[in-house]
């Protein structure tokens, strides 16, 4: 596959303003239940870092209200539609598989690193979105295609050019990197196996570099300096969107997509371990 045809989620990540529009769009659904679900899909993916597979399997048992944490387990007793269908297929084609027993241990997260605790109590809105969903809906019990359609509907309502679940996760990575989160914490929050992905997102925002320059400059009493406000730095996603040199990912021929379920399960080669930019981590 030509790298020119690969579209990366980091290039399609909605900016902060676009994410606000998405949340407002989620409040325009026809029914109260749908509004609760759409707000949760948007917030859980775009700020709490949940993968679409984690969204599908999410249920109230993952939520620790006292500590305000969502716990992604290593194995889960899951009875969602996706797991029921997959286990039934296995039971029909394998004599040694019992569908009822298999459901108890069927679901697993994408990577071992995906087993993680995600704090959601950092704002009143975050608490309200998560706990309202748990109280009024509990779990989505939908197929992956339904999640995709929901996100596409939000995209249209918010008047965005392109959006899909993995791009929302990329928005979460940009958001926390812009907030100043260090690489090892960002890696843990996102559930990435490779810390270089976190480093690449942090480098793309430039905020930590600006903070370090300001810190170093403040110790120099012999030279006047101007403090750089991170808020004045360009939105890294906007810089990608507004490119006019032919690199704008929102123009040109329709590319192929990389999704989580297309990643090879084989160990990386020596050449693959040399990657260091966001373009090299399309579906992390």
Protein backbone atom coordinates (compact mmCIF):
# COMPACT_ATOMS: atom_id res chain seq x y z
CA UNK A 1 0.00 0.00 0.00
CA UNK A 2 1.33 3.38 -0.94
CA UNK A 3 1.86 5.68 2.01
CA UNK A 4 0.37 8.49 -0.08
CA UNK A 5 -3.00 6.74 0.07
CA UNK A 6 -2.99 6.17 3.83
CA UNK A 7 -5.08 8.60 5.82
CA UNK A 8 -4.04 9.13 9.42
CA UNK A 9 -6.43 9.82 12.28
CA UNK A 10 -4.19 12.62 13.56
CA UNK A 11 -4.87 14.57 10.35
CA UNK A 12 -8.64 14.23 10.81
CA UNK A 13 -8.77 14.96 14.54
CA UNK A 14 -11.31 17.72 15.25
CA UNK A 15 -9.91 20.89 16.79
CA UNK A 16 -11.14 22.17 20.15
CA UNK A 17 -13.72 24.41 18.51
CA UNK A 18 -14.90 21.60 16.27
CA UNK A 19 -15.20 19.28 19.26
CA UNK A 20 -17.44 21.81 20.99
CA UNK A 21 -19.61 21.85 17.88
CA UNK A 22 -19.80 18.05 18.00
CA UNK A 23 -21.00 18.10 21.61
CA UNK A 24 -23.63 20.68 20.70
CA UNK A 25 -24.65 18.52 17.74
CA UNK A 26 -25.04 15.55 20.07
CA UNK A 27 -27.66 17.54 21.96
CA UNK A 28 -29.80 17.83 18.81
CA UNK A 29 -30.81 14.16 18.63
CA UNK A 30 -34.53 13.40 18.34
CA UNK A 31 -34.98 11.62 21.67
CA UNK A 32 -33.56 12.16 25.18
CA UNK A 33 -32.01 8.68 25.19
CA UNK A 34 -30.29 9.26 21.88
CA UNK A 35 -28.95 12.60 23.11
CA UNK A 36 -27.44 10.91 26.17
CA UNK A 37 -25.86 8.22 24.00
CA UNK A 38 -24.44 10.62 21.42
CA UNK A 39 -22.93 12.89 24.06
CA UNK A 40 -21.30 9.88 25.69
CA UNK A 41 -19.91 8.58 22.38
CA UNK A 42 -18.45 12.00 21.61
CA UNK A 43 -16.99 12.65 25.07
CA UNK A 44 -15.80 9.11 25.81
CA UNK A 45 -13.92 8.93 22.50
CA UNK A 46 -12.82 12.55 22.13
CA UNK A 47 -11.73 13.23 25.70
CA UNK A 48 -11.67 9.96 27.67
CA UNK A 49 -9.73 8.07 24.94
CA UNK A 50 -12.06 5.06 24.56
CA UNK A 51 -11.62 3.05 21.39
CA UNK A 52 -14.77 2.16 19.48
CA UNK A 53 -14.42 -1.46 20.62
CA UNK A 54 -14.31 -0.26 24.21
CA UNK A 55 -17.38 1.90 23.62
CA UNK A 56 -19.32 -1.09 22.33
CA UNK A 57 -18.47 -3.19 25.39
CA UNK A 58 -18.68 -0.43 28.01
CA UNK A 59 -21.12 -1.05 30.86
CA UNK A 60 -21.73 0.28 34.36
CA UNK A 61 -19.49 -2.38 35.89
CA UNK A 62 -16.51 -0.50 34.46
CA UNK A 63 -17.31 2.67 36.41
CA UNK A 64 -15.99 3.41 39.89
CA UNK A 65 -18.12 6.38 40.95
CA UNK A 66 -16.29 6.91 44.22
CA UNK A 67 -12.92 7.34 42.51
CA UNK A 68 -14.42 8.77 39.28
CA UNK A 69 -12.58 6.21 37.16
CA UNK A 70 -13.49 4.05 34.18
CA UNK A 71 -11.65 0.73 34.43
CA UNK A 72 -10.91 -1.07 31.15
CA UNK A 73 -10.56 -4.74 32.14
CA UNK A 74 -8.29 -7.42 30.72
CA UNK A 75 -11.15 -9.90 30.35
CA UNK A 76 -14.84 -9.22 30.69
CA UNK A 77 -18.03 -11.20 31.06
CA UNK A 78 -19.70 -9.56 28.10
CA UNK A 79 -23.16 -10.12 26.65
CA UNK A 80 -23.20 -7.29 24.11
CA UNK A 81 -24.52 -7.93 20.61
CA UNK A 82 -21.06 -8.12 19.06
CA UNK A 83 -19.76 -10.68 21.56
CA UNK A 84 -22.96 -12.76 21.38
CA UNK A 85 -22.73 -12.95 17.60
CA UNK A 86 -19.00 -13.77 17.58
CA UNK A 87 -19.32 -16.45 20.27
CA UNK A 88 -22.30 -17.99 18.47
CA UNK A 89 -20.25 -18.20 15.28
CA UNK A 90 -17.43 -19.89 17.19
CA UNK A 91 -19.83 -22.35 18.84
CA UNK A 92 -21.31 -23.30 15.47
CA UNK A 93 -17.92 -23.99 13.90
CA UNK A 94 -16.02 -25.44 16.90
CA UNK A 95 -17.33 -28.44 18.81
CA UNK A 96 -15.21 -27.60 21.86
CA UNK A 97 -16.71 -24.10 22.32
CA UNK A 98 -19.70 -23.61 24.57
CA UNK A 99 -21.32 -20.26 23.78
CA UNK A 100 -22.56 -19.55 27.31
CA UNK A 101 -19.21 -20.26 28.96
CA UNK A 102 -17.22 -18.47 26.27
CA UNK A 103 -19.11 -15.23 26.87
CA UNK A 104 -17.67 -15.06 30.38
CA UNK A 105 -14.14 -14.52 29.08
CA UNK A 106 -14.64 -13.54 25.46
CA UNK A 107 -13.99 -9.81 25.35
CA UNK A 108 -10.44 -8.50 25.65
CA UNK A 109 -9.04 -5.02 24.95
CA UNK A 110 -6.85 -4.40 21.92
CA UNK A 111 -3.49 -4.54 23.70
CA UNK A 112 -2.26 -5.47 27.15
CA UNK A 113 -1.49 -1.76 27.54
CA UNK A 114 -5.18 -1.06 26.90
CA UNK A 115 -5.99 -2.45 30.35
CA UNK A 116 -6.10 0.86 32.14
CA UNK A 117 -7.90 3.23 34.50
CA UNK A 118 -9.29 6.41 32.94
CA UNK A 119 -10.15 9.30 35.28
CA UNK A 120 -13.34 11.10 34.29
CA UNK A 121 -13.82 13.37 37.30
CA UNK A 122 -11.71 16.26 36.02
CA UNK A 123 -14.77 18.43 35.27
CA UNK A 124 -18.44 18.64 36.23
CA UNK A 125 -19.45 18.19 32.60
CA UNK A 126 -17.38 15.03 32.27
CA UNK A 127 -18.94 13.58 35.41
CA UNK A 128 -22.43 14.51 34.20
CA UNK A 129 -21.97 12.94 30.76
CA UNK A 130 -20.55 9.65 32.06
CA UNK A 131 -22.85 9.14 35.02
CA UNK A 132 -26.00 10.23 33.19
CA UNK A 133 -25.20 7.64 30.53
CA UNK A 134 -24.67 4.96 33.17
CA UNK A 135 -27.91 5.85 34.98
CA UNK A 136 -30.17 6.27 31.95
CA UNK A 137 -28.68 3.93 29.34
CA UNK A 138 -26.09 1.65 30.93
CA UNK A 139 -24.55 0.25 27.77
CA UNK A 140 -24.84 0.79 24.02
CA UNK A 141 -25.31 -2.81 22.81
CA UNK A 142 -24.79 -1.82 19.17
CA UNK A 143 -22.59 -2.95 16.30
CA UNK A 144 -19.42 -1.19 15.17
CA UNK A 145 -21.26 0.03 12.08
CA UNK A 146 -23.80 1.76 14.31
CA UNK A 147 -21.05 3.65 16.13
CA UNK A 148 -19.67 4.72 12.75
CA UNK A 149 -23.09 5.97 11.62
CA UNK A 150 -23.62 7.86 14.87
CA UNK A 151 -20.29 9.63 14.46
CA UNK A 152 -21.07 10.41 10.82
CA UNK A 153 -24.38 11.96 11.86
CA UNK A 154 -22.59 14.16 14.40
CA UNK A 155 -20.11 15.15 11.70
CA UNK A 156 -22.91 16.28 9.40
CA UNK A 157 -24.74 18.21 12.12
CA UNK A 158 -21.52 19.95 13.15
CA UNK A 159 -20.67 20.72 9.49
CA UNK A 160 -17.31 18.95 9.59
CA UNK A 161 -15.69 17.58 6.46
CA UNK A 162 -14.62 14.22 7.81
CA UNK A 163 -14.95 12.31 11.07
CA UNK A 164 -14.76 8.73 12.30
CA UNK A 165 -14.27 7.16 15.76
CA UNK A 166 -10.49 6.88 15.58
CA UNK A 167 -10.19 10.55 14.64
CA UNK A 168 -12.09 11.39 17.83
CA UNK A 169 -9.52 9.41 19.80
CA UNK A 170 -6.77 11.39 18.09
CA UNK A 171 -8.54 14.55 19.27
CA UNK A 172 -8.26 13.23 22.82
CA UNK A 173 -4.53 12.67 22.36
CA UNK A 174 -4.06 16.22 21.04
CA UNK A 175 -6.18 17.67 23.85
CA UNK A 176 -4.22 16.08 26.68
CA UNK A 177 -0.88 16.73 24.97
CA UNK A 178 -1.84 20.41 24.68
CA UNK A 179 -2.72 20.39 28.37
CA UNK A 180 0.90 19.49 29.11
CA UNK A 181 0.56 15.79 29.90
CA UNK A 182 3.93 14.02 29.88
CA UNK A 183 4.59 11.19 27.45
CA UNK A 184 4.42 8.30 29.92
CA UNK A 185 1.11 9.53 31.32
CA UNK A 186 -0.32 10.11 27.84
CA UNK A 187 0.75 6.62 26.80
CA UNK A 188 -0.99 5.13 29.85
CA UNK A 189 -4.16 7.17 29.32
CA UNK A 190 -4.45 6.28 25.63
CA UNK A 191 -3.54 2.61 26.14
CA UNK A 192 -0.69 2.67 23.62
CA UNK A 193 2.02 0.03 23.58
CA UNK A 194 4.62 2.38 22.11
CA UNK A 195 5.56 5.57 23.97
CA UNK A 196 6.83 7.09 20.73
CA UNK A 197 3.21 7.64 19.70
CA UNK A 198 2.72 9.83 22.77
CA UNK A 199 5.97 11.68 22.09
CA UNK A 200 4.87 12.34 18.50
CA UNK A 201 1.56 13.89 19.64
CA UNK A 202 3.34 16.02 22.23
CA UNK A 203 5.87 17.21 19.66
CA UNK A 204 3.05 18.06 17.24
CA UNK A 205 1.43 20.43 19.74
CA UNK A 206 4.65 22.25 20.68
CA UNK A 207 3.27 23.25 24.08
CA UNK A 208 5.83 21.46 26.23
CA UNK A 209 8.64 22.96 24.18
CA UNK A 210 7.21 26.46 24.70
CA UNK A 211 6.85 25.81 28.44
CA UNK A 212 10.44 24.60 28.71
CA UNK A 213 11.77 27.60 26.78
CA UNK A 214 9.85 29.96 29.08
CA UNK A 215 11.16 28.13 32.13
CA UNK A 216 14.76 28.35 30.96
CA UNK A 217 14.40 31.98 29.90
CA UNK A 218 12.98 32.95 33.28
CA UNK A 219 16.27 31.95 34.94
CA UNK A 220 18.26 34.34 32.72
CA UNK A 221 18.35 37.69 34.55
CA UNK A 222 20.68 39.34 32.03
CA UNK A 223 18.35 39.27 29.05
CA UNK A 224 14.83 40.54 28.54
CA UNK A 225 12.42 37.96 27.28
CA UNK A 226 8.78 37.63 26.29
CA UNK A 227 6.81 34.74 27.74
CA UNK A 228 5.16 32.59 25.10
CA UNK A 229 1.54 31.83 25.87
CA UNK A 230 0.71 28.29 24.80
CA UNK A 231 -2.79 29.47 23.91
CA UNK A 232 -1.26 31.69 21.22
CA UNK A 233 0.40 28.76 19.47
CA UNK A 234 -1.35 27.55 16.32
CA UNK A 235 -3.80 24.68 16.63
CA UNK A 236 -1.78 21.75 15.22
CA UNK A 237 -4.88 20.27 13.62
CA UNK A 238 -5.74 23.61 12.02
CA UNK A 239 -2.24 23.82 10.60
CA UNK A 240 -2.85 20.51 8.89
CA UNK A 241 -6.28 21.51 7.62
CA UNK A 242 -5.16 24.86 6.20
CA UNK A 243 -2.11 23.58 4.33
CA UNK A 244 -1.90 24.93 0.77
CA UNK A 245 1.26 23.16 -0.34
CA UNK A 246 -0.48 20.02 -1.52
CA UNK A 247 -0.20 18.24 1.84
CA UNK A 248 -3.69 19.06 3.06
CA UNK A 249 -5.19 15.65 3.93
CA UNK A 250 -8.69 16.94 3.30
CA UNK A 251 -8.02 17.34 -0.40
CA UNK A 252 -6.83 15.08 -3.16
CA UNK A 253 -7.89 11.53 -4.10
CA UNK A 254 -10.00 9.55 -1.65
CA UNK A 255 -7.55 7.56 0.49
CA UNK A 256 -7.79 4.23 2.21
CA UNK A 257 -8.31 4.14 5.95
CA UNK A 258 -6.36 2.43 8.65
CA UNK A 259 -8.48 1.07 11.49
CA UNK A 260 -7.63 -0.66 14.72
CA UNK A 261 -8.71 -4.08 13.49
CA UNK A 262 -6.38 -3.95 10.48
CA UNK A 263 -3.17 -3.85 12.46
CA UNK A 264 -0.80 -6.75 12.13
CA UNK A 265 -0.37 -8.89 15.23
CA UNK A 266 3.21 -9.77 14.25
CA UNK A 267 6.17 -8.24 16.11
CA UNK A 268 7.54 -5.08 14.41
CA UNK A 269 10.57 -5.34 12.17
CA UNK A 270 13.72 -3.33 12.78
CA UNK A 271 12.66 -0.88 10.09
CA UNK A 272 9.23 -0.42 11.67
CA UNK A 273 10.71 0.47 15.04
CA UNK A 274 12.44 3.55 13.60
CA UNK A 275 9.21 5.57 13.18
CA UNK A 276 8.99 8.82 15.09
CA UNK A 277 6.19 10.95 13.61
CA UNK A 278 2.40 10.83 13.78
CA UNK A 279 2.26 9.61 10.19
CA UNK A 280 3.96 6.42 11.35
CA UNK A 281 1.32 5.62 13.96
CA UNK A 282 -1.89 5.79 11.95
CA UNK A 283 -4.05 3.41 13.98
CA UNK A 284 -2.54 3.45 17.45
